Amino acid sequence: MDALTTFVPMSAVDDQLGTISSPEVRPFREVSKGYTYFEQGDVLFAKITPCMQNGKHAVARDLIDGIGFGSTEFHVLRPGAEVLAEWVHYYLRQPWVLSLAQAHLTGAVGQQRLPAAFLADLQLPLPPLAEQRRIAARLTEAMAAVERARAAAAKQLEAARAIPSAYILQVFDERHMAAWPMDKLAEVCEFLPARSIAVSGDTEVLAITTACLTETGFNPDGAKRARMWASDVAECTVRPGEILVARSNTAELVGRVAAFHGDPAGAVASDLTIRLWPAAGVAGDFLAASLTALYLRGYWRERAGGASGSMKKITRTQLAELRVPLPPLAEQKRLAAALSERLDAAARLATDVRAQLDATQALPAALLRQAFSGEL
């Protein structure tokens, strides 16, 4: 029977905690050649960017028979008798050390690596071993608490981001819609023209992308610089009040919708976006939310065409034939206004939770700074 050993790919290192969170068990003969060898208590330091900057560093613990193998992109540091592995590990994880290491990378951009000489020449402070143990133990405890707080904040943020979709689906519950008149979209909207983005176009434009279309409304940060022929720009410039539908994208994003309210001014829509102009008697924000509810229910994932498995398309004809709910205009406006208030509140909540998460993610650097300046 083949002997088994611990194997550590780069993905097994938890970049938040700096631990080997998911080691593999492989046959010894399979990994004993061609991979990096290390022993219990060695410090593994990722030498390739961006893994180095992202904190893919750990102390080798709980190894089968005290030895292991791993990615060839690890430097292996073996602490001497007067230095604790965790002391070395935490010292190297300091932001200033990683920033300094960045300046010493060699090789082609995107595949740069840190030479072993950088680590060999680095000056390491060495308090008595007992003090190293004390500080390392406090850091380990504090880092674990920070990670628990970070994970809780991340879960809260995920929940906060799910609220808008829940609100929209609540307003457009199928039981509510059963009492509303239904009309073909072609009868209540004008379909506006769109032209292609052209790499060789003679004019730079600010083009609307699918990243602009979200469940919480139009996101101006998703607009990107592109080129288009000057003769097409005026026709494709989006006016406030238009509703934009993603015509072509991945199965998860095709059919995404948002109403445009004028920001950024002068933005254009390419032929990857279907532009709708609501007729009199149609509240644009209500209609956009209605189409968003359809998208959230997976309507277009089931109906979008296209030979490619990764890119799907919906046609103007499909959209034109779509039947949409249209209660009286006053009711449309009331529901749209109430939904807008709830979406704004959800956005504020998500912003607050995001700030909490950012503050939590900044704590490890602060703890390391305190530890190595004698404040911990």
Protein backbone atom coordinates (compact mmCIF):
# COMPACT_ATOMS: atom_id res chain seq x y z
CA MET A 1 0.00 0.00 0.00
CA ASP A 2 1.35 3.43 -0.94
CA ALA A 3 2.37 5.65 1.98
CA LEU A 4 0.38 8.89 2.22
CA THR A 5 1.70 12.36 2.86
CA THR A 6 0.46 15.94 3.27
CA PHE A 7 0.27 18.04 0.10
CA VAL A 8 -0.28 21.80 0.18
CA PRO A 9 -1.29 23.54 -3.07
CA MET A 10 -1.33 27.33 -2.99
CA SER A 11 -5.13 27.25 -2.80
CA ALA A 12 -4.95 25.39 0.54
CA VAL A 13 -3.56 28.46 2.32
CA ASP A 14 -6.15 30.69 3.97
CA ASP A 15 -4.98 34.19 3.08
CA GLN A 16 -7.06 35.76 5.86
CA LEU A 17 -5.77 33.65 8.75
CA GLY A 18 -2.41 32.72 7.24
CA THR A 19 -2.98 29.03 7.95
CA ILE A 20 -3.12 25.83 5.92
CA SER A 21 -6.88 25.44 6.01
CA SER A 22 -7.45 22.65 3.47
CA PRO A 23 -4.38 20.44 2.95
CA GLU A 24 -4.62 17.42 0.69
CA VAL A 25 -3.55 13.85 1.34
CA ARG A 26 -1.73 12.25 -1.58
CA PRO A 27 0.42 9.17 -2.20
CA PHE A 28 4.04 9.88 -1.27
CA ARG A 29 5.37 8.57 -4.57
CA GLU A 30 3.06 10.93 -6.47
CA VAL A 31 4.43 14.13 -4.94
CA SER A 32 7.91 13.31 -3.63
CA LYS A 33 9.49 14.50 -6.86
CA GLY A 34 8.82 17.80 -8.59
CA TYR A 35 7.26 19.54 -5.59
CA THR A 36 8.55 21.61 -2.68
CA TYR A 37 9.55 19.59 0.39
CA PHE A 38 9.05 20.96 3.91
CA GLU A 39 8.91 19.76 7.50
CA GLN A 40 6.79 20.36 10.56
CA GLY A 41 7.29 23.95 11.77
CA ASP A 42 8.70 25.32 8.52
CA VAL A 43 7.41 28.68 7.31
CA LEU A 44 5.93 28.64 3.80
CA PHE A 45 6.14 31.97 1.99
CA ALA A 46 4.47 32.43 -1.42
CA LYS A 47 7.02 33.80 -3.85
CA ILE A 48 4.81 34.44 -6.89
CA THR A 49 2.69 37.54 -7.27
CA PRO A 50 -0.18 38.11 -6.56
CA CYS A 51 -0.15 35.23 -4.03
CA MET A 52 2.68 36.92 -2.13
CA GLN A 53 0.76 40.19 -1.76
CA ASN A 54 -2.48 38.39 -0.96
CA GLY A 55 -1.06 36.69 2.12
CA LYS A 56 -0.61 33.09 0.95
CA HIS A 57 1.88 32.37 3.74
CA ALA A 58 1.61 29.83 6.55
CA VAL A 59 3.42 27.71 9.13
CA ALA A 60 3.47 24.00 8.27
CA ARG A 61 1.63 22.23 11.08
CA ASP A 62 -0.20 18.90 11.54
CA LEU A 63 1.74 17.16 8.79
CA ILE A 64 1.56 13.40 8.28
CA ASP A 65 4.76 11.93 9.78
CA GLY A 66 6.05 15.50 10.20
CA ILE A 67 6.78 16.11 6.51
CA GLY A 68 4.92 17.48 3.54
CA PHE A 69 5.11 18.63 -0.06
CA GLY A 70 3.55 21.60 -1.76
CA SER A 71 3.51 24.10 -4.56
CA THR A 72 6.85 24.96 -6.12
CA GLU A 73 5.82 28.60 -5.63
CA PHE A 74 6.64 28.44 -1.91
CA HIS A 75 9.89 29.56 -0.33
CA VAL A 76 10.60 27.34 2.69
CA LEU A 77 12.12 28.89 5.82
CA ARG A 78 13.28 26.61 8.63
CA PRO A 79 13.58 28.50 11.94
CA GLY A 80 16.55 27.81 14.19
CA ALA A 81 16.41 26.87 17.85
CA GLU A 82 16.12 30.48 19.06
CA VAL A 83 13.29 31.60 16.83
CA LEU A 84 9.63 30.62 16.81
CA ALA A 85 8.10 29.76 13.44
CA GLU A 86 5.01 31.86 14.18
CA TRP A 87 7.25 34.83 15.03
CA VAL A 88 8.89 34.62 11.60
CA HIS A 89 5.54 34.07 9.92
CA TYR A 90 3.85 37.09 11.51
CA TYR A 91 6.86 39.29 10.90
CA LEU A 92 6.82 38.49 7.19
CA ARG A 93 3.06 39.15 6.91
CA GLN A 94 3.47 42.80 7.87
CA PRO A 95 2.29 45.13 5.08
CA TRP A 96 5.57 47.03 4.99
CA VAL A 97 7.52 43.77 4.47
CA LEU A 98 5.21 42.71 1.63
CA SER A 99 5.44 46.19 0.10
CA LEU A 100 9.23 46.07 0.27
CA ALA A 101 9.19 42.59 -1.25
CA GLN A 102 7.10 43.92 -4.14
CA ALA A 103 9.98 46.17 -5.14
CA HIS A 104 12.31 43.14 -5.38
CA LEU A 105 10.22 40.97 -7.69
CA THR A 106 11.87 39.65 -10.82
CA GLY A 107 10.53 38.15 -14.04
CA ALA A 108 7.78 38.94 -16.53
CA VAL A 109 4.81 41.01 -15.40
CA GLY A 110 2.04 38.74 -14.13
CA GLN A 111 4.48 35.93 -13.32
CA GLN A 112 6.96 37.80 -11.15
CA ARG A 113 8.62 36.03 -8.23
CA LEU A 114 10.44 37.05 -5.08
CA PRO A 115 14.07 35.89 -4.98
CA ALA A 116 15.09 33.87 -1.93
CA ALA A 117 17.88 36.40 -1.35
CA PHE A 118 15.34 39.01 -0.26
CA LEU A 119 14.19 36.85 2.64
CA ALA A 120 17.74 35.77 3.47
CA ASP A 121 18.88 39.40 3.79
CA LEU A 122 15.87 40.61 5.77
CA GLN A 123 16.71 41.75 9.31
CA LEU A 124 14.56 39.89 11.86
CA PRO A 125 14.20 41.22 15.45
CA LEU A 126 14.80 38.47 18.01
CA PRO A 127 13.45 39.03 21.50
CA PRO A 128 13.81 36.13 23.96
CA LEU A 129 11.97 32.99 22.91
CA ALA A 130 9.47 33.35 25.76
CA GLU A 131 8.56 36.83 24.54
CA GLN A 132 8.20 35.56 20.99
CA ARG A 133 5.80 32.89 22.25
CA ARG A 134 3.79 35.41 24.26
CA ILE A 135 3.39 37.85 21.38
CA ALA A 136 2.71 35.12 18.81
CA ALA A 137 0.06 33.59 21.06
CA ARG A 138 -1.69 36.95 21.49
CA LEU A 139 -1.52 37.58 17.77
CA THR A 140 -2.96 34.15 16.97
CA GLU A 141 -5.84 34.71 19.38
CA ALA A 142 -6.50 38.23 18.10
CA MET A 143 -6.29 37.19 14.44
CA ALA A 144 -8.81 34.40 15.04
CA ALA A 145 -11.20 36.88 16.67
CA VAL A 146 -10.76 39.28 13.75
CA GLU A 147 -11.48 36.51 11.27
CA ARG A 148 -14.68 35.61 13.13
CA ALA A 149 -15.73 39.27 12.99
CA ARG A 150 -14.79 39.49 9.31
CA ALA A 151 -16.76 36.36 8.44
CA ALA A 152 -19.80 37.69 10.34
CA ALA A 153 -19.58 41.07 8.57
CA ALA A 154 -19.20 39.34 5.20
CA LYS A 155 -22.33 37.28 5.89
CA GLN A 156 -24.20 40.44 6.90
CA LEU A 157 -23.09 42.14 3.69
CA GLU A 158 -24.28 39.18 1.63
CA ALA A 159 -27.66 39.36 3.37
CA ALA A 160 -27.87 43.13 2.88
CA ARG A 161 -27.16 42.76 -0.83
CA ALA A 162 -29.96 40.20 -1.14
CA ILE A 163 -32.58 42.57 0.31
CA PRO A 164 -33.27 44.58 -2.89
CA SER A 165 -34.13 41.44 -4.86
CA ALA A 166 -36.44 40.30 -2.09
CA TYR A 167 -38.20 43.68 -2.07
CA ILE A 168 -38.73 43.64 -5.84
CA LEU A 169 -40.07 40.10 -5.85
CA GLN A 170 -42.41 41.00 -3.01
CA VAL A 171 -43.92 43.92 -4.97
CA PHE A 172 -44.25 41.81 -8.11
CA ASP A 173 -45.61 38.74 -6.40
CA GLU A 174 -47.58 36.72 -8.93
CA ARG A 175 -50.68 36.86 -6.72
CA HIS A 176 -50.59 40.67 -6.82
CA MET A 177 -50.01 40.74 -10.56
CA ALA A 178 -52.98 38.48 -11.24
CA ALA A 179 -55.26 41.43 -10.57
CA TRP A 180 -53.39 43.81 -12.91
CA PRO A 181 -54.01 44.28 -16.65
CA MET A 182 -51.30 42.84 -18.92
CA ASP A 183 -50.02 44.44 -22.12
CA LYS A 184 -47.43 43.53 -24.70
CA LEU A 185 -44.23 45.47 -24.16
CA ALA A 186 -44.28 46.62 -27.80
CA GLU A 187 -47.61 48.32 -27.12
CA VAL A 188 -46.41 50.31 -24.12
CA CYS A 189 -42.81 51.09 -25.15
CA GLU A 190 -40.93 52.40 -28.15
CA PHE A 191 -37.87 50.35 -29.06
CA LEU A 192 -34.98 52.74 -29.70
CA PRO A 193 -32.02 52.15 -32.06
CA ALA A 194 -28.55 50.99 -31.01
CA ARG A 195 -25.26 50.64 -32.86
CA SER A 196 -22.09 48.63 -32.31
CA ILE A 197 -19.05 49.76 -30.42
CA ALA A 198 -16.26 49.94 -33.02
CA VAL A 199 -12.59 49.53 -32.09
CA SER A 200 -11.71 51.58 -35.18
CA GLY A 201 -14.39 54.19 -34.48
CA ASP A 202 -13.40 57.82 -34.84
CA THR A 203 -14.97 59.07 -31.58
CA GLU A 204 -14.41 58.20 -27.91
CA VAL A 205 -17.62 57.62 -25.97
CA LEU A 206 -18.73 56.62 -22.49
CA ALA A 207 -20.48 53.32 -23.12
CA ILE A 208 -23.06 51.68 -20.89
CA THR A 209 -22.19 48.10 -19.93
CA THR A 210 -24.09 45.36 -18.13
CA ALA A 211 -22.27 46.44 -14.95
CA CYS A 212 -24.48 49.56 -15.07
CA LEU A 213 -27.63 47.47 -14.79
CA THR A 214 -28.35 46.32 -11.25
CA GLU A 215 -31.30 45.33 -9.09
CA THR A 216 -30.87 48.55 -7.11
CA GLY A 217 -30.94 50.78 -10.21
CA PHE A 218 -28.49 52.22 -12.70
CA ASN A 219 -24.85 52.18 -11.56
CA PRO A 220 -22.89 54.93 -13.39
CA ASP A 221 -19.57 53.41 -12.30
CA GLY A 222 -20.17 50.57 -14.76
CA ALA A 223 -19.82 52.87 -17.80
CA LYS A 224 -16.56 52.40 -19.71
CA ARG A 225 -14.62 54.39 -22.28
CA ALA A 226 -14.95 52.97 -25.80
CA ARG A 227 -14.98 54.05 -29.43
CA MET A 228 -17.86 54.52 -31.84
CA TRP A 229 -18.39 56.13 -35.22
CA ALA A 230 -19.33 59.78 -34.83
CA SER A 231 -22.28 59.32 -37.16
CA ASP A 232 -23.84 56.87 -34.65
CA VAL A 233 -23.29 58.79 -31.41
CA ALA A 234 -26.31 61.10 -31.44
CA GLU A 235 -28.67 58.25 -32.24
CA CYS A 236 -27.24 56.10 -29.44
CA THR A 237 -27.01 58.72 -26.68
CA VAL A 238 -29.27 57.65 -23.85
CA ARG A 239 -31.91 60.05 -22.49
CA PRO A 240 -33.16 60.20 -18.90
CA GLY A 241 -36.22 58.01 -18.61
CA GLU A 242 -35.04 55.21 -20.88
CA ILE A 243 -35.14 51.61 -19.70
CA LEU A 244 -32.11 49.51 -20.62
CA VAL A 245 -32.10 45.72 -20.97
CA ALA A 246 -28.97 43.57 -21.38
CA ARG A 247 -29.47 41.89 -24.76
CA SER A 248 -26.36 39.72 -24.75
CA ASN A 249 -24.35 38.40 -21.83
CA THR A 250 -23.74 35.31 -19.74
CA ALA A 251 -26.76 33.20 -18.80
CA GLU A 252 -26.68 34.77 -15.33
CA LEU A 253 -26.64 38.39 -16.55
CA VAL A 254 -28.62 38.43 -19.80
CA GLY A 255 -31.89 40.30 -19.36
CA ARG A 256 -30.68 42.51 -16.52
CA VAL A 257 -32.55 45.83 -16.39
CA ALA A 258 -32.26 49.40 -15.10
CA ALA A 259 -33.92 52.74 -15.68
CA PHE A 260 -31.52 55.54 -16.71
CA HIS A 261 -31.93 58.87 -14.89
CA GLY A 262 -29.25 60.95 -16.62
CA ASP A 263 -25.98 60.03 -14.90
CA PRO A 264 -23.52 59.92 -16.57
CA ALA A 265 -24.65 62.55 -19.04
CA GLY A 266 -23.93 61.78 -22.69
CA ALA A 267 -23.52 58.03 -22.17
CA VAL A 268 -24.29 55.82 -25.17
CA ALA A 269 -25.81 52.37 -25.43
CA SER A 270 -24.35 49.82 -27.81
CA ASP A 271 -26.26 47.08 -29.59
CA LEU A 272 -25.60 44.81 -26.61
CA THR A 273 -28.34 46.80 -24.88
CA ILE A 274 -32.01 47.06 -25.83
CA ARG A 275 -33.35 50.57 -25.22
CA LEU A 276 -36.99 51.16 -24.28
CA TRP A 277 -38.91 54.46 -24.09
CA PRO A 278 -42.09 54.12 -21.98
CA ALA A 279 -45.30 55.41 -23.50
CA ALA A 280 -47.67 57.83 -21.79
CA GLY A 281 -49.42 56.08 -18.94
CA VAL A 282 -46.35 54.00 -18.07
CA ALA A 283 -44.11 54.85 -15.10
CA GLY A 284 -40.60 53.96 -16.20
CA ASP A 285 -39.33 53.00 -12.75
CA PHE A 286 -42.31 50.70 -12.26
CA LEU A 287 -41.76 49.02 -15.61
CA ALA A 288 -38.02 48.64 -14.97
CA ALA A 289 -38.75 47.00 -11.61
CA SER A 290 -41.30 44.72 -13.25
CA LEU A 291 -38.75 43.58 -15.84
CA THR A 292 -36.17 43.16 -13.07
CA ALA A 293 -38.55 40.84 -11.20
CA LEU A 294 -38.84 38.78 -14.38
CA TYR A 295 -35.05 38.61 -14.62
CA LEU A 296 -34.71 37.63 -10.95
CA ARG A 297 -37.10 34.73 -11.44
CA GLY A 298 -34.78 33.31 -14.10
CA TYR A 299 -37.12 34.01 -17.02
CA TRP A 300 -34.32 34.79 -19.48
CA ARG A 301 -32.00 32.02 -18.29
CA GLU A 302 -34.61 29.61 -19.62
CA ARG A 303 -35.40 31.45 -22.86
CA ALA A 304 -32.24 33.22 -24.03
CA GLY A 305 -30.74 31.72 -27.18
CA GLY A 306 -27.27 31.48 -28.62
CA ALA A 307 -24.99 28.67 -29.71
CA SER A 308 -22.37 29.54 -27.09
CA GLY A 309 -22.83 28.07 -23.65
CA SER A 310 -21.20 31.09 -22.05
CA MET A 311 -22.92 33.90 -23.98
CA LYS A 312 -26.68 34.11 -24.36
CA LYS A 313 -28.90 36.50 -26.29
CA ILE A 314 -32.46 37.71 -26.16
CA THR A 315 -34.06 39.30 -29.19
CA ARG A 316 -36.04 42.48 -29.60
CA THR A 317 -38.89 40.31 -30.85
CA GLN A 318 -38.87 38.23 -27.67
CA LEU A 319 -38.95 41.39 -25.61
CA ALA A 320 -41.61 43.03 -27.76
CA GLU A 321 -43.96 40.03 -27.34
CA LEU A 322 -43.48 39.97 -23.59
CA ARG A 323 -46.62 40.69 -21.58
CA VAL A 324 -46.06 43.01 -18.63
CA PRO A 325 -48.36 44.03 -15.75
CA LEU A 326 -49.66 47.60 -15.85
CA PRO A 327 -52.01 48.72 -13.08
CA PRO A 328 -53.35 52.30 -13.26
CA LEU A 329 -50.64 54.96 -13.52
CA ALA A 330 -51.28 56.30 -10.02
CA GLU A 331 -50.76 52.80 -8.61
CA GLN A 332 -47.61 52.34 -10.68
CA LYS A 333 -46.19 55.58 -9.28
CA ARG A 334 -47.16 54.70 -5.71
CA LEU A 335 -45.56 51.27 -5.87
CA ALA A 336 -42.44 52.62 -7.60
CA ALA A 337 -42.00 55.35 -4.98
CA ALA A 338 -42.47 52.94 -2.07
CA LEU A 339 -40.04 50.48 -3.65
CA SER A 340 -37.50 53.27 -4.25
CA GLU A 341 -37.58 54.20 -0.55
CA ARG A 342 -36.99 50.61 0.49
CA LEU A 343 -34.18 50.14 -2.05
CA ASP A 344 -32.50 53.35 -0.83
CA ALA A 345 -32.69 52.09 2.75
CA ALA A 346 -31.22 48.75 1.68
CA ALA A 347 -28.40 50.54 -0.15
CA ARG A 348 -27.59 52.56 2.98
CA LEU A 349 -27.54 49.38 5.05
CA ALA A 350 -25.20 47.69 2.57
CA THR A 351 -22.90 50.75 2.64
CA ASP A 352 -22.77 50.69 6.45
CA VAL A 353 -22.04 46.96 6.57
CA ARG A 354 -19.40 47.36 3.85
CA ALA A 355 -17.71 50.03 5.99
CA GLN A 356 -17.74 47.64 8.97
CA LEU A 357 -16.20 44.90 6.83
CA ASP A 358 -13.50 47.26 5.52
CA ALA A 359 -12.68 48.33 9.08
CA THR A 360 -12.45 44.69 10.16
CA GLN A 361 -10.18 43.81 7.25
CA ALA A 362 -7.81 46.61 8.28
CA LEU A 363 -7.36 45.16 11.79
CA PRO A 364 -4.73 42.46 11.01
CA ALA A 365 -2.28 45.07 9.71
CA ALA A 366 -2.85 47.18 12.82
CA LEU A 367 -2.30 44.17 15.10
CA LEU A 368 0.95 43.25 13.36
CA ARG A 369 2.14 46.84 13.61
CA GLN A 370 1.42 46.89 17.34
CA ALA A 371 3.07 43.51 17.90
CA PHE A 372 6.36 44.45 16.28
CA SER A 373 6.51 47.90 17.82
CA GLY A 374 6.23 46.54 21.36
CA GLU A 375 2.61 47.56 21.95
CA LEU A 376 1.02 44.12 22.20
